[in-house]
């Protein structure tokens, strides 16, 4: 399994989950040279081939974490450095593209990923809206798991073989709000810029909309919302 991300600092999260869920009960080894794991104990790329030979009878498997920047720097994936040959040589069971909404929609990235031989590809994202809207994935290829799904599982868990892992979750109230006509009308009108008299679209900023003062009351600048 190969994990590639444009955000290398999340190597810590992947390593923690690996140790917690599978590291203690499988033959998988976590391999990474990410700087964010400098004070941890993953296996290095140099250690893995030796371990593979010495433990061949144990059917050792690899979970390798790699930054997208590192991958694209390799001459085997469109870069100029002679490194990561094993990434190109292996046929991976699964390529995981984590934080798939960040920095992956480029020609260089496409070229790099095209050089990775693999059976399956999994795109992971907490904000997949652009990818979903693009129509790139068929309905059968999309799996969503939201706060609403967690709350439903918390209330309706039916697997009698194990305890409900969602039971400890607190109750979650989901609220919606509707923008007043004062806001929607202004969005439709746009706003005039005096310097050049040009008309530009009025940009609605959710952070500004909910901005507060020191006394934790809403700021006056959006009191017109009513």
C-alpha atoms as a PDB file:
ATOM      1  CA  UNK A   1       0.000   0.000   0.000  1.00  0.00           C
ATOM      2  CA  UNK A   2       1.377   3.390  -1.025  1.00  0.00           C
ATOM      3  CA  UNK A   3       0.091   6.614   0.566  1.00  0.00           C
ATOM      4  CA  UNK A   4       0.853   9.865  -1.265  1.00  0.00           C
ATOM      5  CA  UNK A   5      -0.203  13.311  -0.090  1.00  0.00           C
ATOM      6  CA  UNK A   6       0.536  16.956  -0.775  1.00  0.00           C
ATOM      7  CA  UNK A   7       0.541  17.527   2.993  1.00  0.00           C
ATOM      8  CA  UNK A   8       3.512  15.523   4.385  1.00  0.00           C
ATOM      9  CA  UNK A   9       2.929  16.655   7.989  1.00  0.00           C
ATOM     10  CA  UNK A  10      -0.009  14.257   8.277  1.00  0.00           C
ATOM     11  CA  UNK A  11       2.449  11.345   8.301  1.00  0.00           C
ATOM     12  CA  UNK A  12       2.064  11.422  12.091  1.00  0.00           C
ATOM     13  CA  UNK A  13      -1.675  10.739  11.853  1.00  0.00           C
ATOM     14  CA  UNK A  14      -1.180   7.863   9.434  1.00  0.00           C
ATOM     15  CA  UNK A  15       1.538   6.348  11.610  1.00  0.00           C
ATOM     16  CA  UNK A  16      -0.582   6.666  14.766  1.00  0.00           C
ATOM     17  CA  UNK A  17      -3.522   4.932  13.084  1.00  0.00           C
ATOM     18  CA  UNK A  18      -1.234   2.238  11.677  1.00  0.00           C
ATOM     19  CA  UNK A  19       0.108   1.439  15.164  1.00  0.00           C
ATOM     20  CA  UNK A  20      -3.338   1.561  16.732  1.00  0.00           C
ATOM     21  CA  UNK A  21      -5.282  -0.525  14.240  1.00  0.00           C
ATOM     22  CA  UNK A  22      -3.058  -2.939  12.312  1.00  0.00           C
ATOM     23  CA  UNK A  23       0.617  -2.603  13.195  1.00  0.00           C
ATOM     24  CA  UNK A  24       0.401  -4.945  16.186  1.00  0.00           C
ATOM     25  CA  UNK A  25      -1.551  -7.718  14.466  1.00  0.00           C
ATOM     26  CA  UNK A  26      -0.284  -8.018  10.887  1.00  0.00           C
ATOM     27  CA  UNK A  27       2.941  -8.492   8.962  1.00  0.00           C
ATOM     28  CA  UNK A  28       2.738  -4.952   7.563  1.00  0.00           C
ATOM     29  CA  UNK A  29       5.561  -2.494   8.233  1.00  0.00           C
ATOM     30  CA  UNK A  30       5.203   1.275   8.015  1.00  0.00           C
ATOM     31  CA  UNK A  31       7.954   2.786   5.860  1.00  0.00           C
ATOM     32  CA  UNK A  32       8.537   6.528   5.675  1.00  0.00           C
ATOM     33  CA  UNK A  33      11.267   9.128   5.792  1.00  0.00           C
ATOM     34  CA  UNK A  34       8.963  12.072   6.368  1.00  0.00           C
ATOM     35  CA  UNK A  35      10.519  14.821   8.485  1.00  0.00           C
ATOM     36  CA  UNK A  36       7.410  14.888  10.679  1.00  0.00           C
ATOM     37  CA  UNK A  37       8.299  11.353  11.834  1.00  0.00           C
ATOM     38  CA  UNK A  38      11.899  12.180  12.715  1.00  0.00           C
ATOM     39  CA  UNK A  39      11.357  11.414  16.416  1.00  0.00           C
ATOM     40  CA  UNK A  40       9.226   8.319  15.761  1.00  0.00           C
ATOM     41  CA  UNK A  41      10.227   4.799  14.735  1.00  0.00           C
ATOM     42  CA  UNK A  42       8.981   3.940  11.235  1.00  0.00           C
ATOM     43  CA  UNK A  43      11.123   1.706   9.060  1.00  0.00           C
ATOM     44  CA  UNK A  44      13.388   3.509   6.577  1.00  0.00           C
ATOM     45  CA  UNK A  45      13.527   2.753   2.859  1.00  0.00           C
ATOM     46  CA  UNK A  46      17.016   1.313   3.292  1.00  0.00           C
ATOM     47  CA  UNK A  47      15.869  -0.999   6.101  1.00  0.00           C
ATOM     48  CA  UNK A  48      12.881  -2.426   4.230  1.00  0.00           C
ATOM     49  CA  UNK A  49      14.750  -4.529   1.562  1.00  0.00           C
ATOM     50  CA  UNK A  50      16.916  -6.144   4.235  1.00  0.00           C
ATOM     51  CA  UNK A  51      13.891  -6.868   6.428  1.00  0.00           C
ATOM     52  CA  UNK A  52      12.048  -8.301   3.411  1.00  0.00           C
ATOM     53  CA  UNK A  53      14.811 -10.845   2.773  1.00  0.00           C
ATOM     54  CA  UNK A  54      15.294 -11.790   6.428  1.00  0.00           C
ATOM     55  CA  UNK A  55      11.552 -12.311   7.071  1.00  0.00           C
ATOM     56  CA  UNK A  56      10.460 -13.736   3.736  1.00  0.00           C
ATOM     57  CA  UNK A  57       8.757 -16.701   5.394  1.00  0.00           C
ATOM     58  CA  UNK A  58       6.520 -14.281   7.352  1.00  0.00           C
ATOM     59  CA  UNK A  59       5.019 -12.778   4.180  1.00  0.00           C
ATOM     60  CA  UNK A  60       5.996  -9.200   5.094  1.00  0.00           C
ATOM     61  CA  UNK A  61       3.933  -6.364   3.590  1.00  0.00           C
ATOM     62  CA  UNK A  62       4.615  -2.664   3.293  1.00  0.00           C
ATOM     63  CA  UNK A  63       2.656   0.508   3.959  1.00  0.00           C
ATOM     64  CA  UNK A  64       4.776   3.348   2.600  1.00  0.00           C
ATOM     65  CA  UNK A  65       4.013   7.014   3.208  1.00  0.00           C
ATOM     66  CA  UNK A  66       5.414   9.471   0.674  1.00  0.00           C
ATOM     67  CA  UNK A  67       4.959  13.172   0.011  1.00  0.00           C
ATOM     68  CA  UNK A  68       3.811  14.236  -3.429  1.00  0.00           C
ATOM     69  CA  UNK A  69       6.740  16.658  -3.579  1.00  0.00           C
ATOM     70  CA  UNK A  70       9.190  13.804  -2.984  1.00  0.00           C
ATOM     71  CA  UNK A  71       7.504  11.632  -5.605  1.00  0.00           C
ATOM     72  CA  UNK A  72       7.568  14.302  -8.335  1.00  0.00           C
ATOM     73  CA  UNK A  73      11.242  14.982  -7.605  1.00  0.00           C
ATOM     74  CA  UNK A  74      12.212  11.459  -8.683  1.00  0.00           C
ATOM     75  CA  UNK A  75      13.484  10.899 -12.216  1.00  0.00           C
ATOM     76  CA  UNK A  76      11.147   7.911 -12.417  1.00  0.00           C
ATOM     77  CA  UNK A  77       8.160  10.218 -11.963  1.00  0.00           C
ATOM     78  CA  UNK A  78       9.087  13.274 -13.991  1.00  0.00           C
ATOM     79  CA  UNK A  79      11.727  14.868 -11.716  1.00  0.00           C
ATOM     80  CA  UNK A  80      15.484  15.097 -11.807  1.00  0.00           C
ATOM     81  CA  UNK A  81      16.718  13.056  -8.820  1.00  0.00           C
ATOM     82  CA  UNK A  82      17.706   9.402  -8.943  1.00  0.00           C
ATOM     83  CA  UNK A  83      15.598   8.072  -6.086  1.00  0.00           C
ATOM     84  CA  UNK A  84      12.433   6.072  -5.334  1.00  0.00           C
ATOM     85  CA  UNK A  85      13.173   3.405  -7.939  1.00  0.00           C
ATOM     86  CA  UNK A  86      11.376   0.827  -5.788  1.00  0.00           C
ATOM     87  CA  UNK A  87       8.177   2.861  -6.046  1.00  0.00           C
ATOM     88  CA  UNK A  88       8.310   2.494  -9.825  1.00  0.00           C
ATOM     89  CA  UNK A  89       9.369  -1.166  -9.679  1.00  0.00           C
ATOM     90  CA  UNK A  90       6.617  -2.426  -7.350  1.00  0.00           C
ATOM     91  CA  UNK A  91       3.102  -3.272  -8.417  1.00  0.00           C
ATOM     92  CA  UNK A  92       1.108  -1.845  -5.514  1.00  0.00           C
ATOM     93  CA  UNK A  93      -2.159  -3.336  -4.317  1.00  0.00           C
ATOM     94  CA  UNK A  94      -3.474   0.109  -3.398  1.00  0.00           C
ATOM     95  CA  UNK A  95      -2.469   3.705  -4.052  1.00  0.00           C
ATOM     96  CA  UNK A  96      -4.046   6.088  -1.523  1.00  0.00           C
ATOM     97  CA  UNK A  97      -4.100   9.744  -2.581  1.00  0.00           C
ATOM     98  CA  UNK A  98      -4.742  11.531   0.699  1.00  0.00           C
ATOM     99  CA  UNK A  99      -6.003  15.121   0.867  1.00  0.00           C
ATOM    100  CA  UNK A 100      -6.954  14.534  -2.759  1.00  0.00           C
ATOM    101  CA  UNK A 101      -8.327  18.071  -3.122  1.00  0.00           C
ATOM    102  CA  UNK A 102      -4.872  19.635  -2.640  1.00  0.00           C
ATOM    103  CA  UNK A 103      -2.337  19.982  -5.437  1.00  0.00           C
ATOM    104  CA  UNK A 104      -3.177  16.838  -7.381  1.00  0.00           C
ATOM    105  CA  UNK A 105      -4.983  18.343 -10.375  1.00  0.00           C
ATOM    106  CA  UNK A 106      -1.861  19.197 -12.360  1.00  0.00           C
ATOM    107  CA  UNK A 107      -0.200  17.721 -15.423  1.00  0.00           C
ATOM    108  CA  UNK A 108       2.982  16.897 -13.481  1.00  0.00           C
ATOM    109  CA  UNK A 109       1.000  15.045 -10.854  1.00  0.00           C
ATOM    110  CA  UNK A 110      -0.911  13.100 -13.503  1.00  0.00           C
ATOM    111  CA  UNK A 111       2.398  12.104 -15.121  1.00  0.00           C
ATOM    112  CA  UNK A 112       3.788  10.964 -11.758  1.00  0.00           C
ATOM    113  CA  UNK A 113       0.709   8.910 -10.822  1.00  0.00           C
ATOM    114  CA  UNK A 114       0.614   7.320 -14.284  1.00  0.00           C
ATOM    115  CA  UNK A 115       4.030   5.766 -13.553  1.00  0.00           C
ATOM    116  CA  UNK A 116       2.773   3.993 -10.427  1.00  0.00           C
ATOM    117  CA  UNK A 117       1.688   0.441 -11.210  1.00  0.00           C
ATOM    118  CA  UNK A 118      -1.234  -0.463  -8.959  1.00  0.00           C
ATOM    119  CA  UNK A 119      -4.406  -2.521  -8.787  1.00  0.00           C
ATOM    120  CA  UNK A 120      -6.637   0.007  -7.019  1.00  0.00           C
ATOM    121  CA  UNK A 121      -6.654   3.759  -6.336  1.00  0.00           C
ATOM    122  CA  UNK A 122      -8.404   5.458  -3.407  1.00  0.00           C
ATOM    123  CA  UNK A 123      -8.883   9.233  -3.310  1.00  0.00           C
ATOM    124  CA  UNK A 124      -9.407  10.520   0.259  1.00  0.00           C
ATOM    125  CA  UNK A 125     -10.678  13.999   1.053  1.00  0.00           C
ATOM    126  CA  UNK A 126     -12.625  15.783   3.757  1.00  0.00           C
ATOM    127  CA  UNK A 127     -13.625  18.466   1.243  1.00  0.00           C
ATOM    128  CA  UNK A 128     -14.294  16.591  -2.013  1.00  0.00           C
ATOM    129  CA  UNK A 129     -16.808  19.062  -3.445  1.00  0.00           C
ATOM    130  CA  UNK A 130     -14.770  20.085  -6.487  1.00  0.00           C
ATOM    131  CA  UNK A 131     -13.922  16.493  -7.387  1.00  0.00           C
ATOM    132  CA  UNK A 132     -17.541  15.393  -7.014  1.00  0.00           C
ATOM    133  CA  UNK A 133     -18.809  18.305  -9.101  1.00  0.00           C
ATOM    134  CA  UNK A 134     -16.327  17.511 -11.877  1.00  0.00           C
ATOM    135  CA  UNK A 135     -18.090  14.261 -12.685  1.00  0.00           C
ATOM    136  CA  UNK A 136     -14.789  12.422 -12.571  1.00  0.00           C
ATOM    137  CA  UNK A 137     -16.161   9.655 -10.364  1.00  0.00           C
ATOM    138  CA  UNK A 138     -19.182   7.471 -11.040  1.00  0.00           C
ATOM    139  CA  UNK A 139     -21.823   7.136  -8.340  1.00  0.00           C
ATOM    140  CA  UNK A 140     -20.670   3.567  -7.647  1.00  0.00           C
ATOM    141  CA  UNK A 141     -17.123   4.860  -6.985  1.00  0.00           C
ATOM    142  CA  UNK A 142     -18.098   7.357  -4.287  1.00  0.00           C
ATOM    143  CA  UNK A 143     -18.383   6.596  -0.584  1.00  0.00           C
ATOM    144  CA  UNK A 144     -19.395   9.317   1.876  1.00  0.00           C
ATOM    145  CA  UNK A 145     -19.321   9.176   5.660  1.00  0.00           C
ATOM    146  CA  UNK A 146     -20.609  12.283   7.406  1.00  0.00           C
ATOM    147  CA  UNK A 147     -21.464  13.466  10.921  1.00  0.00           C
ATOM    148  CA  UNK A 148     -25.050  12.521  10.134  1.00  0.00           C
ATOM    149  CA  UNK A 149     -23.963   8.964   9.291  1.00  0.00           C
ATOM    150  CA  UNK A 150     -22.089   8.752  12.601  1.00  0.00           C
ATOM    151  CA  UNK A 151     -25.145   9.846  14.554  1.00  0.00           C
ATOM    152  CA  UNK A 152     -27.342   7.377  12.688  1.00  0.00           C
ATOM    153  CA  UNK A 153     -24.892   4.559  13.481  1.00  0.00           C
ATOM    154  CA  UNK A 154     -24.812   5.726  17.100  1.00  0.00           C
ATOM    155  CA  UNK A 155     -28.583   5.368  17.391  1.00  0.00           C
ATOM    156  CA  UNK A 156     -29.206   2.378  15.118  1.00  0.00           C
ATOM    157  CA  UNK A 157     -26.161   0.114  15.549  1.00  0.00           C
ATOM    158  CA  UNK A 158     -27.277  -3.445  14.734  1.00  0.00           C
ATOM    159  CA  UNK A 159     -24.055  -5.471  14.535  1.00  0.00           C
ATOM    160  CA  UNK A 160     -24.406  -7.933  17.364  1.00  0.00           C
ATOM    161  CA  UNK A 161     -20.844  -9.257  16.972  1.00  0.00           C
ATOM    162  CA  UNK A 162     -19.172  -6.173  18.437  1.00  0.00           C
ATOM    163  CA  UNK A 163     -19.923  -3.206  20.665  1.00  0.00           C
ATOM    164  CA  UNK A 164     -21.146  -0.025  19.033  1.00  0.00           C
ATOM    165  CA  UNK A 165     -17.982   2.093  18.497  1.00  0.00           C
ATOM    166  CA  UNK A 166     -20.129   5.212  18.061  1.00  0.00           C
ATOM    167  CA  UNK A 167     -21.941   4.882  21.385  1.00  0.00           C
ATOM    168  CA  UNK A 168     -19.519   7.187  23.281  1.00  0.00           C
ATOM    169  CA  UNK A 169     -20.115  10.035  20.822  1.00  0.00           C
ATOM    170  CA  UNK A 170     -22.054  12.991  22.213  1.00  0.00           C
ATOM    171  CA  UNK A 171     -25.369  13.950  20.702  1.00  0.00           C
ATOM    172  CA  UNK A 172     -24.850  16.247  17.726  1.00  0.00           C
ATOM    173  CA  UNK A 173     -27.372  18.883  16.687  1.00  0.00           C
ATOM    174  CA  UNK A 174     -27.143  19.952  13.042  1.00  0.00           C
ATOM    175  CA  UNK A 175     -28.558  23.409  12.345  1.00  0.00           C
ATOM    176  CA  UNK A 176     -29.142  25.259   9.091  1.00  0.00           C
ATOM    177  CA  UNK A 177     -29.736  28.942   8.446  1.00  0.00           C
ATOM    178  CA  UNK A 178     -31.281  30.900   5.624  1.00  0.00           C
ATOM    179  CA  UNK A 179     -29.769  34.132   4.346  1.00  0.00           C
ATOM    180  CA  UNK A 180     -32.186  37.037   4.347  1.00  0.00           C
ATOM    181  CA  UNK A 181     -33.328  38.746   1.148  1.00  0.00           C
ATOM    182  CA  UNK A 182     -31.107  41.706   2.087  1.00  0.00           C
ATOM    183  CA  UNK A 183     -28.061  39.502   1.540  1.00  0.00           C
ATOM    184  CA  UNK A 184     -29.277  37.716  -1.592  1.00  0.00           C
ATOM    185  CA  UNK A 185     -30.343  40.981  -3.207  1.00  0.00           C
ATOM    186  CA  UNK A 186     -26.899  42.473  -2.617  1.00  0.00           C
ATOM    187  CA  UNK A 187     -25.233  39.390  -4.009  1.00  0.00           C
ATOM    188  CA  UNK A 188     -27.319  39.761  -7.144  1.00  0.00           C
ATOM    189  CA  UNK A 189     -26.541  43.455  -7.572  1.00  0.00           C
ATOM    190  CA  UNK A 190     -22.762  43.312  -7.146  1.00  0.00           C
ATOM    191  CA  UNK A 191     -20.890  46.296  -5.766  1.00  0.00           C
ATOM    192  CA  UNK A 192     -19.396  49.288  -7.551  1.00  0.00           C
ATOM    193  CA  UNK A 193     -15.708  50.093  -7.010  1.00  0.00           C
ATOM    194  CA  UNK A 194     -15.220  53.885  -7.058  1.00  0.00           C
ATOM    195  CA  UNK A 195     -11.562  53.884  -8.138  1.00  0.00           C
ATOM    196  CA  UNK A 196     -12.223  52.566 -11.620  1.00  0.00           C
ATOM    197  CA  UNK A 197     -16.023  52.454 -11.622  1.00  0.00           C
ATOM    198  CA  UNK A 198     -15.834  48.797 -12.554  1.00  0.00           C
ATOM    199  CA  UNK A 199     -18.493  46.376 -11.412  1.00  0.00           C
ATOM    200  CA  UNK A 200     -17.359  43.224  -9.658  1.00  0.00           C
ATOM    201  CA  UNK A 201     -19.295  40.417  -8.072  1.00  0.00           C
ATOM    202  CA  UNK A 202     -19.957  40.856  -4.378  1.00  0.00           C
ATOM    203  CA  UNK A 203     -18.134  38.109  -2.512  1.00  0.00           C
ATOM    204  CA  UNK A 204     -19.921  36.622   0.482  1.00  0.00           C
ATOM    205  CA  UNK A 205     -17.521  35.685   3.291  1.00  0.00           C
ATOM    206  CA  UNK A 206     -18.913  33.246   5.862  1.00  0.00           C
ATOM    207  CA  UNK A 207     -16.201  34.213   8.371  1.00  0.00           C
ATOM    208  CA  UNK A 208     -17.190  37.867   8.079  1.00  0.00           C
ATOM    209  CA  UNK A 209     -20.845  36.950   8.330  1.00  0.00           C
ATOM    210  CA  UNK A 210     -20.272  35.340  11.738  1.00  0.00           C
ATOM    211  CA  UNK A 211     -17.532  37.724  12.938  1.00  0.00           C
ATOM    212  CA  UNK A 212     -17.766  38.701  16.613  1.00  0.00           C
ATOM    213  CA  UNK A 213     -16.445  41.456  18.851  1.00  0.00           C
ATOM    214  CA  UNK A 214     -14.435  40.972  22.043  1.00  0.00           C
ATOM    215  CA  UNK A 215     -17.658  40.655  24.054  1.00  0.00           C
ATOM    216  CA  UNK A 216     -18.615  37.683  21.819  1.00  0.00           C
ATOM    217  CA  UNK A 217     -21.497  39.576  20.229  1.00  0.00           C
ATOM    218  CA  UNK A 218     -21.857  39.762  16.475  1.00  0.00           C
ATOM    219  CA  UNK A 219     -20.003  42.564  14.757  1.00  0.00           C
ATOM    220  CA  UNK A 220     -22.031  45.593  13.645  1.00  0.00           C
ATOM    221  CA  UNK A 221     -20.944  45.246  10.054  1.00  0.00           C
ATOM    222  CA  UNK A 222     -23.523  42.537   9.401  1.00  0.00           C
ATOM    223  CA  UNK A 223     -26.310  43.664  11.692  1.00  0.00           C
ATOM    224  CA  UNK A 224     -28.233  44.724   8.584  1.00  0.00           C
ATOM    225  CA  UNK A 225     -28.867  41.039   7.993  1.00  0.00           C
ATOM    226  CA  UNK A 226     -31.656  41.323  10.526  1.00  0.00           C
END
